[in-house]
C-alpha atoms as a PDB file:
ATOM      1  CA  MET A   1      27.893 -12.469  28.274  1.00  0.00           C
ATOM      2  CA  LYS A   2      28.270  -9.495  26.776  1.00  0.00           C
ATOM      3  CA  LYS A   3      29.799 -11.229  23.738  1.00  0.00           C
ATOM      4  CA  PHE A   4      27.010 -13.598  23.476  1.00  0.00           C
ATOM      5  CA  THR A   5      24.660 -10.753  23.288  1.00  0.00           C
ATOM      6  CA  VAL A   6      26.354  -8.883  20.471  1.00  0.00           C
ATOM      7  CA  SER A   7      26.666 -12.355  18.706  1.00  0.00           C
ATOM      8  CA  ILE A   8      22.578 -12.669  19.106  1.00  0.00           C
ATOM      9  CA  PHE A   9      22.268  -9.234  17.823  1.00  0.00           C
ATOM     10  CA  LEU A  10      24.408  -9.910  14.537  1.00  0.00           C
ATOM     11  CA  VAL A  11      22.102 -12.836  13.868  1.00  0.00           C
ATOM     12  CA  HIS A  12      19.068 -10.616  14.180  1.00  0.00           C
ATOM     13  CA  ALA A  13      20.735  -8.014  11.962  1.00  0.00           C
ATOM     14  CA  PHE A  14      21.964 -10.140   9.496  1.00  0.00           C
ATOM     15  CA  PHE A  15      18.524 -11.782   9.274  1.00  0.00           C
ATOM     16  CA  LEU A  16      16.765  -8.583   8.530  1.00  0.00           C
ATOM     17  CA  LEU A  17      19.205  -7.931   5.537  1.00  0.00           C
ATOM     18  CA  SER A  18      18.499 -11.523   3.940  1.00  0.00           C
ATOM     19  CA  LEU A  19      14.846 -11.058   4.122  1.00  0.00           C
ATOM     20  CA  PRO A  20      13.374 -10.257   0.726  1.00  0.00           C
ATOM     21  CA  ILE A  21      12.044  -6.854   0.324  1.00  0.00           C
ATOM     22  CA  SER A  22       8.534  -7.932  -0.476  1.00  0.00           C
ATOM     23  CA  ARG A  23       8.524  -9.616   3.279  1.00  0.00           C
ATOM     24  CA  CYS A  24       9.511  -6.673   4.819  1.00  0.00           C
ATOM     25  CA  ARG A  25       6.485  -4.653   6.274  1.00  0.00           C
ATOM     26  CA  ILE A  26       6.812  -1.028   6.173  1.00  0.00           C
ATOM     27  CA  PHE A  27       5.724   0.684   9.574  1.00  0.00           C
ATOM     28  CA  PRO A  28       4.459   4.306  10.113  1.00  0.00           C
ATOM     29  CA  MET A  29       7.299   6.767  11.301  1.00  0.00           C
ATOM     30  CA  ASP A  30       5.067   9.306  13.099  1.00  0.00           C
ATOM     31  CA  GLU A  31       1.703  10.941  13.089  1.00  0.00           C
ATOM     32  CA  LYS A  32       2.002  12.572   9.715  1.00  0.00           C
ATOM     33  CA  PHE A  33       2.527   9.113   8.102  1.00  0.00           C
ATOM     34  CA  ILE A  34      -0.913   9.030   5.914  1.00  0.00           C
ATOM     35  CA  GLU A  35      -0.489  12.987   5.023  1.00  0.00           C
ATOM     36  CA  SER A  36       3.103  11.946   3.867  1.00  0.00           C
ATOM     37  CA  THR A  37       2.228   8.770   1.874  1.00  0.00           C
ATOM     38  CA  CYS A  38      -0.532  10.699   0.465  1.00  0.00           C
ATOM     39  CA  LYS A  39       1.739  13.091  -1.174  1.00  0.00           C
ATOM     40  CA  GLN A  40       3.140  10.100  -3.387  1.00  0.00           C
ATOM     41  CA  THR A  41      -0.087   9.437  -4.998  1.00  0.00           C
ATOM     42  CA  PRO A  42      -2.120  11.145  -7.811  1.00  0.00           C
ATOM     43  CA  ASN A  43      -5.101  12.597  -5.324  1.00  0.00           C
ATOM     44  CA  TYR A  44      -3.470  13.469  -2.211  1.00  0.00           C
ATOM     45  CA  ASP A  45      -6.940  15.209  -0.794  1.00  0.00           C
ATOM     46  CA  LEU A  46      -8.748  11.835  -1.521  1.00  0.00           C
ATOM     47  CA  CYS A  47      -6.169   9.662  -0.426  1.00  0.00           C
ATOM     48  CA  VAL A  48      -6.161  11.474   3.137  1.00  0.00           C
ATOM     49  CA  SER A  49      -9.857  11.640   3.141  1.00  0.00           C
ATOM     50  CA  SER A  50     -10.513   7.719   2.485  1.00  0.00           C
ATOM     51  CA  LEU A  51      -7.825   6.837   4.459  1.00  0.00           C
ATOM     52  CA  LYS A  52      -8.641   8.871   7.539  1.00  0.00           C
ATOM     53  CA  SER A  53     -12.196   8.065   7.503  1.00  0.00           C
ATOM     54  CA  ASP A  54     -11.379   4.416   8.585  1.00  0.00           C
ATOM     55  CA  PRO A  55      -9.497   3.883  12.068  1.00  0.00           C
ATOM     56  CA  LYS A  56      -7.008   1.133  11.202  1.00  0.00           C
ATOM     57  CA  SER A  57      -5.195   3.756   8.941  1.00  0.00           C
ATOM     58  CA  SER A  58      -3.908   5.035  12.479  1.00  0.00           C
ATOM     59  CA  THR A  59      -1.811   1.970  12.900  1.00  0.00           C
ATOM     60  CA  ALA A  60      -1.132   0.427   9.452  1.00  0.00           C
ATOM     61  CA  ASP A  61       1.833   0.389   7.020  1.00  0.00           C
ATOM     62  CA  VAL A  62       1.853   0.828   3.767  1.00  0.00           C
ATOM     63  CA  PRO A  63       0.261  -2.226   2.387  1.00  0.00           C
ATOM     64  CA  GLY A  64      -2.070  -1.856   4.778  1.00  0.00           C
ATOM     65  CA  LEU A  65      -3.396   1.581   3.673  1.00  0.00           C
ATOM     66  CA  ALA A  66      -3.601  -0.175   0.190  1.00  0.00           C
ATOM     67  CA  LEU A  67      -5.827  -2.418   1.833  1.00  0.00           C
ATOM     68  CA  ILE A  68      -8.128  -0.219   3.548  1.00  0.00           C
ATOM     69  CA  LEU A  69      -8.869   1.382  -0.069  1.00  0.00           C
ATOM     70  CA  VAL A  70      -9.200  -1.864  -1.563  1.00  0.00           C
ATOM     71  CA  ASN A  71     -11.786  -2.329   0.811  1.00  0.00           C
ATOM     72  CA  LYS A  72     -13.597   0.781  -0.064  1.00  0.00           C
ATOM     73  CA  ILE A  73     -13.203   0.081  -3.686  1.00  0.00           C
ATOM     74  CA  LYS A  74     -14.801  -2.989  -2.968  1.00  0.00           C
ATOM     75  CA  SER A  75     -18.112  -1.382  -1.171  1.00  0.00           C
ATOM     76  CA  GLN A  76     -18.403   1.149  -3.697  1.00  0.00           C
ATOM     77  CA  ALA A  77     -18.137  -0.871  -6.490  1.00  0.00           C
ATOM     78  CA  THR A  78     -20.818  -3.058  -4.717  1.00  0.00           C
ATOM     79  CA  LYS A  79     -23.394   0.068  -4.602  1.00  0.00           C
ATOM     80  CA  THR A  80     -22.198   0.778  -8.209  1.00  0.00           C
ATOM     81  CA  LEU A  81     -23.417  -2.768  -9.135  1.00  0.00           C
ATOM     82  CA  ASN A  82     -26.824  -2.438  -7.390  1.00  0.00           C
ATOM     83  CA  HIS A  83     -27.485   1.306  -8.886  1.00  0.00           C
ATOM     84  CA  ILE A  84     -26.529  -0.327 -12.296  1.00  0.00           C
ATOM     85  CA  ASN A  85     -29.516  -3.340 -11.785  1.00  0.00           C
ATOM     86  CA  SER A  86     -31.685  -0.486 -10.684  1.00  0.00           C
ATOM     87  CA  LEU A  87     -31.618   1.722 -13.947  1.00  0.00           C
ATOM     88  CA  LEU A  88     -31.808  -1.571 -15.702  1.00  0.00           C
ATOM     89  CA  LYS A  89     -35.257  -2.033 -14.202  1.00  0.00           C
ATOM     90  CA  ARG A  90     -36.193   1.097 -15.225  1.00  0.00           C
ATOM     91  CA  GLY A  91     -36.474  -0.054 -18.963  1.00  0.00           C
ATOM     92  CA  PRO A  92     -33.718   2.375 -20.579  1.00  0.00           C
ATOM     93  CA  GLY A  93     -33.614   3.086 -24.573  1.00  0.00           C
ATOM     94  CA  ALA A  94     -31.027   0.640 -26.308  1.00  0.00           C
ATOM     95  CA  GLY A  95     -28.441   2.467 -26.541  1.00  0.00           C
ATOM     96  CA  LYS A  96     -27.956   2.941 -22.895  1.00  0.00           C
ATOM     97  CA  ARG A  97     -29.081  -0.696 -22.315  1.00  0.00           C
ATOM     98  CA  ARG A  98     -25.927  -1.386 -23.813  1.00  0.00           C
ATOM     99  CA  ALA A  99     -23.971   0.747 -22.025  1.00  0.00           C
ATOM    100  CA  LEU A 100     -25.601  -0.232 -18.378  1.00  0.00           C
ATOM    101  CA  ASP A 101     -25.406  -4.226 -19.652  1.00  0.00           C
ATOM    102  CA  SER A 102     -21.339  -3.798 -20.735  1.00  0.00           C
ATOM    103  CA  CYS A 103     -20.729  -1.627 -16.870  1.00  0.00           C
ATOM    104  CA  TYR A 104     -22.562  -4.452 -15.063  1.00  0.00           C
ATOM    105  CA  SER A 105     -19.780  -6.776 -16.732  1.00  0.00           C
ATOM    106  CA  LYS A 106     -17.106  -4.569 -16.002  1.00  0.00           C
ATOM    107  CA  TYR A 107     -18.045  -3.739 -12.287  1.00  0.00           C
ATOM    108  CA  ASP A 108     -18.967  -7.806 -11.928  1.00  0.00           C
ATOM    109  CA  ALA A 109     -14.936  -8.064 -13.326  1.00  0.00           C
ATOM    110  CA  ILE A 110     -14.205  -5.630 -10.464  1.00  0.00           C
ATOM    111  CA  LEU A 111     -15.836  -7.797  -7.629  1.00  0.00           C
ATOM    112  CA  LYS A 112     -15.148 -10.998  -8.514  1.00  0.00           C
ATOM    113  CA  GLY A 113     -11.617 -10.360 -10.219  1.00  0.00           C
ATOM    114  CA  ASP A 114      -9.430  -7.194  -9.551  1.00  0.00           C
ATOM    115  CA  VAL A 115     -10.537  -6.741  -5.949  1.00  0.00           C
ATOM    116  CA  PRO A 116     -10.169 -10.688  -4.558  1.00  0.00           C
ATOM    117  CA  GLU A 117      -6.447 -10.539  -6.478  1.00  0.00           C
ATOM    118  CA  ALA A 118      -5.663  -7.576  -4.610  1.00  0.00           C
ATOM    119  CA  ILE A 119      -6.682  -8.379  -1.383  1.00  0.00           C
ATOM    120  CA  GLU A 120      -4.853 -11.962  -1.904  1.00  0.00           C
ATOM    121  CA  ALA A 121      -1.490  -9.945  -3.353  1.00  0.00           C
ATOM    122  CA  LEU A 122      -1.559  -7.592  -0.446  1.00  0.00           C
ATOM    123  CA  THR A 123      -2.131 -10.176   2.110  1.00  0.00           C
ATOM    124  CA  LYS A 124       1.055 -12.529   0.334  1.00  0.00           C
ATOM    125  CA  GLY A 125       3.480  -9.221  -0.008  1.00  0.00           C
ATOM    126  CA  ASP A 126       2.841  -9.861  -3.756  1.00  0.00           C
ATOM    127  CA  TYR A 127       2.446  -6.020  -4.436  1.00  0.00           C
ATOM    128  CA  LYS A 128       3.316  -6.221  -8.276  1.00  0.00           C
ATOM    129  CA  PHE A 129      -0.537  -8.554  -8.591  1.00  0.00           C
ATOM    130  CA  ALA A 130      -1.879  -5.903  -6.078  1.00  0.00           C
ATOM    131  CA  GLU A 131      -1.006  -3.180  -7.929  1.00  0.00           C
ATOM    132  CA  ASP A 132      -2.285  -5.241 -11.336  1.00  0.00           C
ATOM    133  CA  GLY A 133      -5.593  -5.468  -9.501  1.00  0.00           C
ATOM    134  CA  ALA A 134      -5.680  -1.862  -8.540  1.00  0.00           C
ATOM    135  CA  ASN A 135      -5.039  -0.601 -12.013  1.00  0.00           C
ATOM    136  CA  ASP A 136      -7.711  -3.041 -13.932  1.00  0.00           C
ATOM    137  CA  ALA A 137     -10.110  -1.824 -11.603  1.00  0.00           C
ATOM    138  CA  ALA A 138      -9.320   1.470 -12.328  1.00  0.00           C
ATOM    139  CA  ASN A 139      -9.342   0.753 -16.214  1.00  0.00           C
ATOM    140  CA  GLU A 140     -13.012  -1.014 -15.846  1.00  0.00           C
ATOM    141  CA  ALA A 141     -14.216   2.438 -14.650  1.00  0.00           C
ATOM    142  CA  ASN A 142     -12.897   4.299 -16.944  1.00  0.00           C
ATOM    143  CA  SER A 143     -14.459   1.578 -19.853  1.00  0.00           C
ATOM    144  CA  CYS A 144     -17.538   2.294 -18.239  1.00  0.00           C
ATOM    145  CA  GLU A 145     -17.777   5.504 -18.506  1.00  0.00           C
ATOM    146  CA  ARG A 146     -16.721   5.953 -22.394  1.00  0.00           C
ATOM    147  CA  GLY A 147     -19.582   3.245 -23.134  1.00  0.00           C
ATOM    148  CA  PHE A 148     -22.135   6.193 -22.860  1.00  0.00           C
ATOM    149  CA  SER A 149     -21.939   9.022 -25.170  1.00  0.00           C
ATOM    150  CA  SER A 150     -20.888  12.135 -24.024  1.00  0.00           C
ATOM    151  CA  GLY A 151     -22.786  13.650 -21.120  1.00  0.00           C
ATOM    152  CA  SER A 152     -25.289  11.111 -20.601  1.00  0.00           C
ATOM    153  CA  SER A 153     -23.746   8.765 -18.130  1.00  0.00           C
ATOM    154  CA  PRO A 154     -25.764   8.265 -14.848  1.00  0.00           C
ATOM    155  CA  LEU A 155     -22.121   6.535 -13.447  1.00  0.00           C
ATOM    156  CA  THR A 156     -20.056   9.823 -13.790  1.00  0.00           C
ATOM    157  CA  ALA A 157     -19.452  10.033 -10.000  1.00  0.00           C
ATOM    158  CA  MET A 158     -19.327   6.475  -9.330  1.00  0.00           C
ATOM    159  CA  ASN A 159     -16.870   6.037 -11.866  1.00  0.00           C
ATOM    160  CA  LYS A 160     -14.709   8.753 -11.189  1.00  0.00           C
ATOM    161  CA  TYR A 161     -14.153   7.431  -7.515  1.00  0.00           C
ATOM    162  CA  ILE A 162     -13.709   3.744  -8.550  1.00  0.00           C
ATOM    163  CA  HIS A 163     -10.851   5.123 -10.387  1.00  0.00           C
ATOM    164  CA  ASP A 164      -9.483   7.572  -8.437  1.00  0.00           C
ATOM    165  CA  VAL A 165      -9.536   5.396  -5.146  1.00  0.00           C
ATOM    166  CA  SER A 166      -7.859   2.831  -7.441  1.00  0.00           C
ATOM    167  CA  ALA A 167      -5.373   4.682  -8.606  1.00  0.00           C
ATOM    168  CA  ILE A 168      -4.426   5.800  -5.516  1.00  0.00           C
ATOM    169  CA  ALA A 169      -4.125   2.076  -4.241  1.00  0.00           C
ATOM    170  CA  ALA A 170      -1.995   1.087  -7.028  1.00  0.00           C
ATOM    171  CA  ALA A 171       0.452   3.974  -6.282  1.00  0.00           C
ATOM    172  CA  LEU A 172       0.676   2.997  -2.948  1.00  0.00           C
ATOM    173  CA  VAL A 173       1.909  -0.974  -3.722  1.00  0.00           C
ATOM    174  CA  GLU A 174       3.923   0.310  -6.922  1.00  0.00           C
ATOM    175  CA  LYS A 175       7.151   0.160  -4.811  1.00  0.00           C
ATOM    176  CA  PRO A 176       6.221   0.360  -1.431  1.00  0.00           C
ATOM    177  CA  GLY A 177       9.812   1.433  -0.395  1.00  0.00           C
ATOM    178  CA  LYS A 178       9.743   4.254  -2.755  1.00  0.00           C
ATOM    179  CA  LEU A 179       7.346   6.055  -0.360  1.00  0.00           C
ATOM    180  CA  LEU A 180      10.355   6.127   2.359  1.00  0.00           C
ATOM    181  CA  GLY A 181      12.338   7.386  -0.549  1.00  0.00           C
ATOM    182  CA  LEU A 182      14.091   3.843  -1.198  1.00  0.00           C
ATOM    183  CA  SER A 183      15.082   3.332  -4.332  1.00  0.00           C
ATOM    184  CA  SER A 184      16.535  -0.206  -4.289  1.00  0.00           C
ATOM    185  CA  PHE A 185      16.782  -3.718  -2.366  1.00  0.00           C
ATOM    186  CA  GLY A 186      20.050  -2.305  -0.549  1.00  0.00           C
ATOM    187  CA  ASP A 187      18.814   0.994   0.141  1.00  0.00           C
ATOM    188  CA  TYR A 188      16.236  -0.731   2.238  1.00  0.00           C
ATOM    189  CA  HIS A 189      18.294  -2.874   4.070  1.00  0.00           C
ATOM    190  CA  ILE A 190      20.751   0.154   4.883  1.00  0.00           C
ATOM    191  CA  PHE A 191      17.277   1.963   5.829  1.00  0.00           C
ATOM    192  CA  ILE A 192      16.589  -0.562   8.499  1.00  0.00           C
ATOM    193  CA  LEU A 193      20.581  -0.298   9.830  1.00  0.00           C
ATOM    194  CA  ASP A 194      19.994   3.613   9.300  1.00  0.00           C
ATOM    195  CA  TYR A 195      16.854   4.277  11.451  1.00  0.00           C
ATOM    196  CA  ASP A 196      15.114   0.865  12.870  1.00  0.00           C
ATOM    197  CA  VAL A 197      18.316  -0.383  14.751  1.00  0.00           C
ATOM    198  CA  PRO A 198      19.408   2.560  16.254  1.00  0.00           C
ATOM    199  CA  GLU A 199      15.867   3.046  17.022  1.00  0.00           C
ATOM    200  CA  ALA A 200      15.515   0.001  18.768  1.00  0.00           C
ATOM    201  CA  THR A 201      18.511   0.352  20.515  1.00  0.00           C
ATOM    202  CA  GLU A 202      18.061   3.697  21.954  1.00  0.00           C
ATOM    203  CA  ALA A 203      14.557   2.536  23.273  1.00  0.00           C
ATOM    204  CA  LEU A 204      15.696  -0.614  25.025  1.00  0.00           C
ATOM    205  CA  THR A 205      19.310   1.082  26.225  1.00  0.00           C
ATOM    206  CA  LYS A 206      17.779   4.347  27.104  1.00  0.00           C
ATOM    207  CA  GLY A 207      18.238   5.549  30.719  1.00  0.00           C
ATOM    208  CA  SER A 208      20.124   2.357  31.648  1.00  0.00           C
ATOM    209  CA  SER A 209      23.952   3.561  32.131  1.00  0.00           C
ATOM    210  CA  THR A 210      25.035  -0.169  32.664  1.00  0.00           C
ATOM    211  CA  LEU A 211      24.197  -0.939  29.379  1.00  0.00           C
ATOM    212  CA  THR A 212      26.398   1.857  27.446  1.00  0.00           C
ATOM    213  CA  ASP A 213      29.108  -0.698  26.112  1.00  0.00           C
ATOM    214  CA  LEU A 214      26.066  -2.930  24.934  1.00  0.00           C
ATOM    215  CA  ASN A 215      24.834   0.165  23.092  1.00  0.00           C
ATOM    216  CA  LYS A 216      28.415   0.919  21.663  1.00  0.00           C
ATOM    217  CA  ASP A 217      28.711  -2.656  20.155  1.00  0.00           C
ATOM    218  CA  MET A 218      25.401  -2.463  18.363  1.00  0.00           C
ATOM    219  CA  HIS A 219      26.070   0.838  16.720  1.00  0.00           C
ATOM    220  CA  ASP A 220      29.557  -0.195  16.009  1.00  0.00           C
ATOM    221  CA  VAL A 221      28.224  -3.842  14.279  1.00  0.00           C
ATOM    222  CA  SER A 222      25.167  -1.342  12.639  1.00  0.00           C
ATOM    223  CA  ALA A 223      28.253   0.852  11.063  1.00  0.00           C
ATOM    224  CA  VAL A 224      30.082  -2.372   9.778  1.00  0.00           C
ATOM    225  CA  ALA A 225      26.988  -3.713   8.355  1.00  0.00           C
ATOM    226  CA  LYS A 226      26.128  -0.876   6.349  1.00  0.00           C
ATOM    227  CA  ALA A 227      29.918  -0.447   5.139  1.00  0.00           C
ATOM    228  CA  ILE A 228      29.680  -3.932   3.851  1.00  0.00           C
ATOM    229  CA  LEU A 229      26.258  -3.307   1.814  1.00  0.00           C
ATOM    230  CA  ARG A 230      27.279   0.096   0.314  1.00  0.00           C
ATOM    231  CA  THR A 231      30.413  -1.699  -0.966  1.00  0.00           C
ATOM    232  CA  LEU A 232      28.376  -4.995  -2.323  1.00  0.00           C
ATOM    233  CA  LEU A 233      25.468  -3.071  -3.951  1.00  0.00           C
END
């Protein structure tokens, strides 16, 4: 029976090792997960405040946190587009109208192109396309701001918010494993064996002396798999 159980464990362990990194989900390690994650982004304070304002962030993994930020980009871009429409209705001068028209097209692109691209990519685990969508949104906001002569933009605060939140989202999905100190595919798999497997084993066997041998077998199998990975990678 014990050999059968260990065999099942081996199957599960090597199934994890065979998964592409884009299909592996990165889960929060503790209650400081948001803070530690935001330290890897270009704007720590905005990252923390934006994420903590959404209750879903307390149980989200890294891609889930990025999705929260993309939805905030969508919400603010919608407000900005409505504000641009309002400004255009006031009959601005020719120079400002050109700048506002340009901004309208850029925010329309954010809402119809960049945001849907990022959401779809995050849902599929395709982080490169999610990063591209977020970076494009940041660039569109910057381009809008540059369309006004110095000091005349009525959209400065909105453009800055979209740019900054987009840059944070892009940093989150650039390399999700990087946020856990993982620099490669092999490092991610070793991370699974170093932390996930022992933690799950301990949780399942804690306080149960009858499973001591099984616990030891799992530990030993993990050690062997790690040794093989470090030799091959």
